[in-house]
């Protein structure tokens, strides 16, 4: 019984170590801009990913991308490509990379880097007239990126 308990404790500890969130500065990109490793070690929630994409306060993906998977969203944009069949065009690692820092895949794109915190030029701190500080949070958390990737992976051509 003691061996079983120790084995269970060891596996839980290993799982907890695996589930640590990768900091934005520690994300490992391939030369094509893909991110092969999960940012959290926790599977994304596709339903939560959809909510993030259509929320103007979070991902706001609908401002630029139309998709039949969220026809109920008001005013879908047409600046970016349609997301219909997106998981047939890109794999999970590529989608994670595009969300994390789209500029590594598409130089010159206007798509935000959703999980990046440095390298920005900011003219000031909001509308206060004060200089910007150097601390910026990512637009989406690591788990939110994983949730959006999970939702995008459900979007296949029919």
N, C-alpha and C. Protein backbone atom coordinates (compact mmCIF):
# COMPACT_ATOMS: atom_id res chain seq x y z
N UNK A 1 0.82 -1.20 0.00
CA UNK A 1 0.00 0.00 0.00
C UNK A 1 0.86 1.25 0.00
N UNK A 2 1.96 1.21 0.77
CA UNK A 2 2.85 2.38 0.85
C UNK A 2 3.47 2.68 -0.52
N UNK A 3 3.85 1.65 -1.28
CA UNK A 3 4.45 1.85 -2.59
C UNK A 3 3.45 2.51 -3.54
N UNK A 4 2.20 2.06 -3.49
CA UNK A 4 1.16 2.64 -4.32
C UNK A 4 0.95 4.11 -3.98
N UNK A 5 0.93 4.44 -2.70
CA UNK A 5 0.76 5.83 -2.27
C UNK A 5 1.92 6.69 -2.74
N UNK A 6 3.15 6.17 -2.62
CA UNK A 6 4.32 6.92 -3.08
C UNK A 6 4.30 7.10 -4.59
N UNK A 7 3.89 6.08 -5.31
CA UNK A 7 3.82 6.18 -6.76
C UNK A 7 2.78 7.22 -7.18
N UNK A 8 1.63 7.22 -6.49
CA UNK A 8 0.59 8.19 -6.78
C UNK A 8 1.08 9.60 -6.48
N UNK A 9 1.74 9.79 -5.35
CA UNK A 9 2.26 11.10 -4.99
C UNK A 9 3.30 11.57 -6.00
N UNK A 10 4.17 10.67 -6.45
CA UNK A 10 5.18 11.03 -7.44
C UNK A 10 4.55 11.42 -8.77
N UNK A 11 3.52 10.68 -9.19
CA UNK A 11 2.88 11.02 -10.46
C UNK A 11 2.13 12.34 -10.37
N UNK A 12 1.52 12.63 -9.22
CA UNK A 12 0.85 13.92 -9.05
C UNK A 12 1.86 15.07 -9.05
N UNK A 13 2.99 14.86 -8.42
CA UNK A 13 4.03 15.88 -8.42
C UNK A 13 4.56 16.11 -9.83
N UNK A 14 4.78 15.06 -10.58
CA UNK A 14 5.26 15.19 -11.96
C UNK A 14 4.21 15.90 -12.81
N UNK A 15 2.94 15.60 -12.60
CA UNK A 15 1.87 16.27 -13.34
C UNK A 15 1.80 17.74 -13.00
N UNK A 16 2.00 18.07 -11.74
CA UNK A 16 1.98 19.48 -11.33
C UNK A 16 3.15 20.23 -11.95
N UNK A 17 4.31 19.59 -12.03
CA UNK A 17 5.46 20.24 -12.63
C UNK A 17 5.22 20.47 -14.12
N UNK A 18 4.57 19.53 -14.77
CA UNK A 18 4.27 19.65 -16.19
C UNK A 18 3.27 20.76 -16.44
N UNK A 19 2.37 21.00 -15.50
CA UNK A 19 1.29 21.95 -15.70
C UNK A 19 1.69 23.39 -15.37
N UNK A 20 2.98 23.65 -15.13
CA UNK A 20 3.40 25.02 -14.86
C UNK A 20 3.22 25.87 -16.11
N UNK A 21 2.81 27.09 -15.91
CA UNK A 21 2.60 28.02 -17.02
C UNK A 21 3.94 28.52 -17.54
N UNK A 22 4.07 28.55 -18.85
CA UNK A 22 5.26 29.09 -19.50
C UNK A 22 5.11 30.61 -19.54
N UNK A 23 6.10 31.31 -19.02
CA UNK A 23 6.08 32.78 -19.04
C UNK A 23 6.24 33.26 -20.48
N UNK A 24 5.68 34.42 -20.82
CA UNK A 24 5.79 34.92 -22.19
C UNK A 24 7.22 34.97 -22.71
N UNK A 25 8.17 35.36 -21.89
CA UNK A 25 9.57 35.45 -22.33
C UNK A 25 10.21 34.08 -22.53
N UNK A 26 9.60 33.02 -22.00
CA UNK A 26 10.17 31.67 -22.08
C UNK A 26 9.54 30.79 -23.15
N UNK A 27 8.62 31.34 -23.94
CA UNK A 27 7.97 30.56 -24.98
C UNK A 27 9.00 30.19 -26.04
N UNK A 28 9.01 28.92 -26.43
CA UNK A 28 9.94 28.42 -27.44
C UNK A 28 9.21 28.32 -28.79
N UNK A 29 9.70 29.09 -29.76
CA UNK A 29 9.13 29.10 -31.11
C UNK A 29 10.02 28.27 -32.04
N UNK A 30 9.39 27.62 -33.03
CA UNK A 30 10.16 26.99 -34.09
C UNK A 30 10.57 28.10 -35.06
N UNK A 31 11.39 27.78 -36.04
CA UNK A 31 11.82 28.82 -36.98
C UNK A 31 10.66 29.34 -37.83
N UNK A 32 9.57 28.59 -37.90
CA UNK A 32 8.38 29.04 -38.63
C UNK A 32 7.39 29.78 -37.75
N UNK A 33 7.71 29.93 -36.46
CA UNK A 33 6.82 30.66 -35.55
C UNK A 33 5.84 29.80 -34.79
N UNK A 34 5.89 28.48 -34.94
CA UNK A 34 4.97 27.60 -34.22
C UNK A 34 5.44 27.44 -32.77
N UNK A 35 4.50 27.10 -31.90
CA UNK A 35 4.81 26.81 -30.49
C UNK A 35 4.30 25.40 -30.24
N UNK A 36 5.23 24.45 -30.18
CA UNK A 36 4.86 23.04 -30.09
C UNK A 36 4.38 22.62 -28.71
N UNK A 37 4.93 23.21 -27.66
CA UNK A 37 4.56 22.84 -26.29
C UNK A 37 3.38 23.68 -25.81
N UNK A 38 2.48 23.05 -25.08
CA UNK A 38 1.39 23.78 -24.45
C UNK A 38 1.96 24.85 -23.52
N UNK A 39 1.29 25.97 -23.42
CA UNK A 39 1.73 27.04 -22.53
C UNK A 39 1.40 26.75 -21.07
N UNK A 40 0.50 25.78 -20.84
CA UNK A 40 0.04 25.50 -19.48
C UNK A 40 0.16 24.04 -19.09
N UNK A 41 0.21 23.14 -20.05
CA UNK A 41 0.16 21.71 -19.74
C UNK A 41 -1.25 21.25 -19.44
N UNK A 42 -2.21 22.14 -19.60
CA UNK A 42 -3.62 21.84 -19.35
C UNK A 42 -4.37 21.99 -20.68
N UNK A 43 -5.20 21.03 -20.98
CA UNK A 43 -5.96 21.09 -22.23
C UNK A 43 -6.85 22.33 -22.25
N UNK A 44 -6.98 22.90 -23.42
CA UNK A 44 -7.85 24.06 -23.57
C UNK A 44 -9.31 23.66 -23.58
N UNK A 45 -10.17 24.60 -23.24
CA UNK A 45 -11.62 24.42 -23.21
C UNK A 45 -12.19 25.16 -24.42
N UNK A 46 -12.68 24.39 -25.40
CA UNK A 46 -13.16 24.98 -26.64
C UNK A 46 -14.31 25.97 -26.42
N UNK A 47 -15.22 25.66 -25.51
CA UNK A 47 -16.35 26.58 -25.24
C UNK A 47 -15.84 27.91 -24.68
N UNK A 48 -14.86 27.83 -23.78
CA UNK A 48 -14.27 29.04 -23.23
C UNK A 48 -13.50 29.80 -24.31
N UNK A 49 -12.84 29.06 -25.20
CA UNK A 49 -12.13 29.68 -26.31
C UNK A 49 -13.03 30.48 -27.21
N UNK A 50 -14.20 29.94 -27.49
CA UNK A 50 -15.18 30.68 -28.31
C UNK A 50 -15.60 31.95 -27.60
N UNK A 51 -15.86 31.86 -26.30
CA UNK A 51 -16.28 33.05 -25.53
C UNK A 51 -15.19 34.13 -25.57
N UNK A 52 -13.94 33.72 -25.49
CA UNK A 52 -12.82 34.66 -25.55
C UNK A 52 -12.76 35.32 -26.92
N UNK A 53 -12.93 34.54 -27.97
CA UNK A 53 -12.83 35.07 -29.33
C UNK A 53 -13.91 36.09 -29.64
N UNK A 54 -15.11 35.89 -29.14
CA UNK A 54 -16.20 36.82 -29.47
C UNK A 54 -16.32 37.97 -28.48
N UNK A 55 -15.58 37.94 -27.38
CA UNK A 55 -15.63 39.00 -26.39
C UNK A 55 -14.78 40.18 -26.82
N UNK A 56 -15.38 41.35 -26.86
CA UNK A 56 -14.63 42.56 -27.22
C UNK A 56 -13.67 42.96 -26.12
N UNK A 57 -13.85 42.44 -24.92
CA UNK A 57 -12.96 42.77 -23.81
C UNK A 57 -11.81 41.78 -23.67
N UNK A 58 -11.83 40.70 -24.43
CA UNK A 58 -10.74 39.71 -24.33
C UNK A 58 -10.07 39.59 -25.70
N UNK A 59 -10.34 38.52 -26.43
CA UNK A 59 -9.67 38.29 -27.70
C UNK A 59 -10.10 39.22 -28.81
N UNK A 60 -11.39 39.48 -28.88
CA UNK A 60 -11.98 40.33 -29.91
C UNK A 60 -11.58 39.89 -31.31
N UNK A 61 -11.44 38.59 -31.51
CA UNK A 61 -11.07 38.05 -32.81
C UNK A 61 -12.11 38.39 -33.87
N UNK A 62 -13.36 38.54 -33.44
CA UNK A 62 -14.44 38.83 -34.38
C UNK A 62 -14.30 40.20 -35.03
N UNK A 63 -13.48 41.08 -34.47
CA UNK A 63 -13.29 42.39 -35.07
C UNK A 63 -12.63 42.27 -36.44
N UNK A 64 -11.85 41.21 -36.64
CA UNK A 64 -11.12 41.04 -37.90
C UNK A 64 -11.47 39.77 -38.66
N UNK A 65 -11.94 38.73 -37.96
CA UNK A 65 -12.15 37.42 -38.59
C UNK A 65 -13.62 37.01 -38.53
N UNK A 66 -14.18 36.67 -39.67
CA UNK A 66 -15.52 36.10 -39.73
C UNK A 66 -15.40 34.58 -39.67
N UNK A 67 -16.44 33.93 -39.16
CA UNK A 67 -16.49 32.46 -39.14
C UNK A 67 -17.93 32.03 -38.91
N UNK A 68 -18.32 30.96 -39.55
CA UNK A 68 -19.70 30.46 -39.37
C UNK A 68 -19.91 29.90 -37.97
N UNK A 69 -18.83 29.59 -37.24
CA UNK A 69 -18.94 29.04 -35.89
C UNK A 69 -19.42 30.07 -34.88
N UNK A 70 -19.37 31.34 -35.23
CA UNK A 70 -19.89 32.37 -34.32
C UNK A 70 -20.69 33.42 -35.10
N UNK A 71 -21.66 32.93 -35.85
CA UNK A 71 -22.52 33.81 -36.62
C UNK A 71 -23.30 34.78 -35.74
N UNK A 72 -23.51 34.38 -34.46
CA UNK A 72 -24.28 35.22 -33.55
C UNK A 72 -23.51 36.47 -33.12
N UNK A 73 -22.20 36.51 -33.36
CA UNK A 73 -21.39 37.66 -32.96
C UNK A 73 -21.73 38.87 -33.82
N UNK A 74 -21.86 40.01 -33.18
CA UNK A 74 -22.19 41.24 -33.90
C UNK A 74 -20.99 41.74 -34.68
N UNK A 75 -21.21 42.14 -35.89
CA UNK A 75 -20.23 42.81 -36.73
C UNK A 75 -18.90 42.07 -36.91
N UNK A 76 -18.95 40.83 -37.39
CA UNK A 76 -17.66 40.16 -37.64
C UNK A 76 -16.90 40.92 -38.72
N UNK A 77 -15.60 40.99 -38.56
CA UNK A 77 -14.77 41.75 -39.49
C UNK A 77 -14.35 40.94 -40.69
N UNK A 78 -13.73 41.63 -41.62
CA UNK A 78 -13.21 40.97 -42.81
C UNK A 78 -11.79 41.44 -43.13
N UNK A 79 -11.08 41.94 -42.12
CA UNK A 79 -9.70 42.37 -42.30
C UNK A 79 -8.79 41.15 -42.41
N UNK A 80 -8.99 40.18 -41.51
CA UNK A 80 -8.20 38.95 -41.53
C UNK A 80 -8.94 37.88 -42.32
N UNK A 81 -8.29 36.76 -42.54
CA UNK A 81 -8.94 35.68 -43.28
C UNK A 81 -10.08 35.06 -42.49
N UNK A 82 -11.01 34.47 -43.21
CA UNK A 82 -12.10 33.73 -42.56
C UNK A 82 -11.48 32.59 -41.76
N UNK A 83 -12.05 32.30 -40.61
CA UNK A 83 -11.56 31.21 -39.78
C UNK A 83 -12.27 29.89 -40.05
N UNK A 84 -13.19 29.87 -41.00
CA UNK A 84 -13.82 28.61 -41.38
C UNK A 84 -12.74 27.66 -41.91
N UNK A 85 -12.66 26.47 -41.37
CA UNK A 85 -11.68 25.48 -41.80
C UNK A 85 -10.26 25.77 -41.34
N UNK A 86 -10.11 26.63 -40.34
CA UNK A 86 -8.76 27.03 -39.90
C UNK A 86 -7.93 25.83 -39.43
N UNK A 87 -8.55 24.83 -38.81
CA UNK A 87 -7.77 23.69 -38.33
C UNK A 87 -7.38 22.73 -39.45
N UNK A 88 -7.94 22.93 -40.64
CA UNK A 88 -7.50 22.17 -41.80
C UNK A 88 -6.29 22.83 -42.45
N UNK A 89 -6.09 24.11 -42.20
CA UNK A 89 -4.97 24.86 -42.79
C UNK A 89 -3.74 24.90 -41.89
N UNK A 90 -3.95 24.93 -40.58
CA UNK A 90 -2.85 25.02 -39.62
C UNK A 90 -3.03 23.98 -38.53
N UNK A 91 -1.93 23.46 -38.01
CA UNK A 91 -2.02 22.51 -36.92
C UNK A 91 -2.03 23.26 -35.58
N UNK A 92 -2.15 22.52 -34.51
CA UNK A 92 -2.27 23.10 -33.18
C UNK A 92 -1.06 23.96 -32.81
N UNK A 93 0.15 23.48 -33.10
CA UNK A 93 1.36 24.24 -32.78
C UNK A 93 1.42 25.54 -33.57
N UNK A 94 1.03 25.50 -34.83
CA UNK A 94 1.04 26.70 -35.66
C UNK A 94 0.02 27.72 -35.17
N UNK A 95 -1.17 27.25 -34.81
CA UNK A 95 -2.20 28.16 -34.28
C UNK A 95 -1.75 28.78 -32.97
N UNK A 96 -1.14 27.98 -32.09
CA UNK A 96 -0.63 28.50 -30.82
C UNK A 96 0.43 29.57 -31.08
N UNK A 97 1.30 29.34 -32.05
CA UNK A 97 2.33 30.31 -32.39
C UNK A 97 1.74 31.60 -32.95
N UNK A 98 0.75 31.48 -33.81
CA UNK A 98 0.11 32.66 -34.39
C UNK A 98 -0.55 33.49 -33.30
N UNK A 99 -1.22 32.84 -32.36
CA UNK A 99 -1.86 33.57 -31.26
C UNK A 99 -0.82 34.19 -30.33
N UNK A 100 0.23 33.47 -30.05
CA UNK A 100 1.24 33.94 -29.11
C UNK A 100 1.96 35.17 -29.65
N UNK A 101 2.44 35.09 -30.88
CA UNK A 101 3.12 36.22 -31.51
C UNK A 101 3.02 36.06 -33.02
N UNK A 102 1.96 36.59 -33.59
CA UNK A 102 1.67 36.43 -35.02
C UNK A 102 2.76 37.00 -35.92
N UNK A 103 3.53 37.96 -35.41
CA UNK A 103 4.56 38.60 -36.23
C UNK A 103 5.68 37.63 -36.61
N UNK A 104 5.86 36.55 -35.85
CA UNK A 104 6.89 35.57 -36.18
C UNK A 104 6.47 34.69 -37.36
N UNK A 105 5.18 34.60 -37.61
CA UNK A 105 4.67 33.82 -38.73
C UNK A 105 4.36 34.72 -39.92
N UNK A 106 3.77 35.87 -39.65
CA UNK A 106 3.36 36.80 -40.69
C UNK A 106 3.94 38.18 -40.42
N UNK A 107 5.12 38.41 -40.97
CA UNK A 107 5.78 39.69 -40.77
C UNK A 107 4.89 40.82 -41.29
N UNK A 108 4.74 41.85 -40.50
CA UNK A 108 3.96 43.01 -40.90
C UNK A 108 2.47 42.90 -40.65
N UNK A 109 2.01 41.79 -40.08
CA UNK A 109 0.59 41.64 -39.81
C UNK A 109 0.12 42.64 -38.76
N UNK A 110 -1.14 43.00 -38.82
CA UNK A 110 -1.72 43.88 -37.81
C UNK A 110 -2.33 43.09 -36.67
N UNK A 111 -2.31 41.77 -36.77
CA UNK A 111 -2.86 40.93 -35.69
C UNK A 111 -2.03 41.11 -34.43
N UNK A 112 -2.69 41.30 -33.29
CA UNK A 112 -1.94 41.45 -32.04
C UNK A 112 -1.19 40.18 -31.65
N UNK A 113 -0.12 40.37 -30.93
CA UNK A 113 0.60 39.26 -30.31
C UNK A 113 -0.05 39.08 -28.94
N UNK A 114 -0.87 38.05 -28.79
CA UNK A 114 -1.70 37.91 -27.60
C UNK A 114 -0.95 37.45 -26.35
N UNK A 115 0.26 36.89 -26.51
CA UNK A 115 1.00 36.42 -25.34
C UNK A 115 2.43 36.94 -25.39
N UNK A 116 2.55 38.23 -25.53
CA UNK A 116 3.85 38.89 -25.60
C UNK A 116 3.81 40.07 -24.64
N UNK A 117 4.93 40.33 -23.96
CA UNK A 117 4.93 41.42 -22.97
C UNK A 117 6.08 42.40 -23.13
N UNK A 118 6.93 42.19 -24.12
CA UNK A 118 8.06 43.11 -24.26
C UNK A 118 8.26 43.49 -25.72
N UNK A 119 9.13 44.49 -25.94
CA UNK A 119 9.42 44.91 -27.29
C UNK A 119 8.42 45.89 -27.87
N UNK A 120 7.58 46.47 -27.03
CA UNK A 120 6.58 47.41 -27.51
C UNK A 120 7.08 48.85 -27.41
N UNK A 121 6.62 49.70 -28.29
CA UNK A 121 6.86 51.13 -28.16
C UNK A 121 5.52 51.74 -27.79
N UNK A 122 5.43 52.26 -26.60
CA UNK A 122 4.18 52.85 -26.12
C UNK A 122 4.40 54.33 -25.86
N UNK A 123 3.56 55.19 -26.41
CA UNK A 123 3.77 56.62 -26.24
C UNK A 123 3.43 57.15 -24.86
N UNK A 124 2.60 56.48 -24.12
CA UNK A 124 2.23 56.98 -22.80
C UNK A 124 1.34 56.00 -22.09
N UNK A 125 0.97 56.33 -20.87
CA UNK A 125 0.13 55.47 -20.05
C UNK A 125 -1.33 55.85 -20.27
N UNK A 126 -1.96 55.08 -21.12
CA UNK A 126 -3.36 55.31 -21.47
C UNK A 126 -3.56 56.76 -21.89
N UNK A 127 -4.50 57.45 -21.30
CA UNK A 127 -4.77 58.84 -21.65
C UNK A 127 -4.44 59.77 -20.49
N UNK A 128 -3.47 59.40 -19.68
CA UNK A 128 -3.14 60.18 -18.48
C UNK A 128 -2.13 61.28 -18.74
N UNK A 129 -1.44 61.25 -19.87
CA UNK A 129 -0.39 62.22 -20.12
C UNK A 129 0.92 61.86 -19.46
N UNK A 130 0.97 60.70 -18.80
CA UNK A 130 2.18 60.24 -18.11
C UNK A 130 2.89 59.20 -18.97
N UNK A 131 4.20 59.08 -18.74
CA UNK A 131 4.98 58.10 -19.48
C UNK A 131 4.52 56.68 -19.14
N UNK A 132 4.60 55.82 -20.12
CA UNK A 132 4.24 54.41 -19.90
C UNK A 132 5.29 53.74 -19.03
N UNK A 133 4.85 52.86 -18.15
CA UNK A 133 5.82 52.07 -17.40
C UNK A 133 6.26 50.89 -18.27
N UNK A 134 7.18 50.11 -17.80
CA UNK A 134 7.71 49.01 -18.60
C UNK A 134 7.03 47.68 -18.35
N UNK A 135 5.98 47.66 -17.55
CA UNK A 135 5.34 46.38 -17.26
C UNK A 135 4.01 46.28 -17.99
N UNK A 136 3.96 45.32 -18.88
CA UNK A 136 2.74 45.08 -19.64
C UNK A 136 2.34 43.63 -19.46
N UNK A 137 1.08 43.40 -19.19
CA UNK A 137 0.57 42.04 -19.11
C UNK A 137 0.21 41.58 -20.52
N UNK A 138 0.27 40.28 -20.78
CA UNK A 138 -0.16 39.82 -22.10
C UNK A 138 -1.66 40.09 -22.28
N UNK A 139 -2.09 40.20 -23.52
CA UNK A 139 -3.50 40.44 -23.81
C UNK A 139 -4.36 39.26 -23.35
N UNK A 140 -3.84 38.05 -23.50
CA UNK A 140 -4.53 36.84 -23.03
C UNK A 140 -3.58 36.07 -22.13
N UNK A 141 -4.15 35.38 -21.15
CA UNK A 141 -3.33 34.51 -20.29
C UNK A 141 -2.94 33.27 -21.09
N UNK A 142 -1.99 32.52 -20.56
CA UNK A 142 -1.56 31.29 -21.21
C UNK A 142 -2.74 30.33 -21.38
N UNK A 143 -3.58 30.20 -20.35
CA UNK A 143 -4.72 29.29 -20.46
C UNK A 143 -5.74 29.79 -21.47
N UNK A 144 -5.92 31.10 -21.55
CA UNK A 144 -6.84 31.63 -22.55
C UNK A 144 -6.34 31.34 -23.97
N UNK A 145 -5.03 31.42 -24.18
CA UNK A 145 -4.47 31.05 -25.49
C UNK A 145 -4.78 29.58 -25.77
N UNK A 146 -4.58 28.72 -24.79
CA UNK A 146 -4.87 27.29 -24.98
C UNK A 146 -6.36 27.07 -25.26
N UNK A 147 -7.22 27.83 -24.60
CA UNK A 147 -8.67 27.71 -24.83
C UNK A 147 -9.02 28.11 -26.27
N UNK A 148 -8.45 29.21 -26.74
CA UNK A 148 -8.73 29.66 -28.11
C UNK A 148 -8.20 28.63 -29.12
N UNK A 149 -7.02 28.09 -28.87
CA UNK A 149 -6.48 27.05 -29.76
C UNK A 149 -7.43 25.86 -29.78
N UNK A 150 -7.95 25.46 -28.64
CA UNK A 150 -8.88 24.32 -28.58
C UNK A 150 -10.12 24.61 -29.42
N UNK A 151 -10.64 25.83 -29.35
CA UNK A 151 -11.81 26.17 -30.16
C UNK A 151 -11.45 26.19 -31.65
N UNK A 152 -10.32 26.79 -31.99
CA UNK A 152 -9.91 26.83 -33.39
C UNK A 152 -9.74 25.43 -33.98
N UNK A 153 -9.28 24.49 -33.15
CA UNK A 153 -9.10 23.11 -33.63
C UNK A 153 -10.41 22.42 -33.93
N UNK A 154 -11.53 22.96 -33.46
CA UNK A 154 -12.85 22.38 -33.79
C UNK A 154 -13.37 22.90 -35.13
N UNK A 155 -12.74 23.92 -35.66
CA UNK A 155 -13.23 24.59 -36.87
C UNK A 155 -12.61 23.95 -38.12
N UNK A 156 -13.30 22.93 -38.62
CA UNK A 156 -12.85 22.20 -39.80
C UNK A 156 -13.78 22.50 -40.97
N UNK A 157 -13.26 22.34 -42.19
CA UNK A 157 -14.13 22.45 -43.37
C UNK A 157 -15.13 21.32 -43.32
N UNK A 158 -16.33 21.62 -43.70
CA UNK A 158 -17.37 20.59 -43.63
C UNK A 158 -17.56 19.90 -44.93
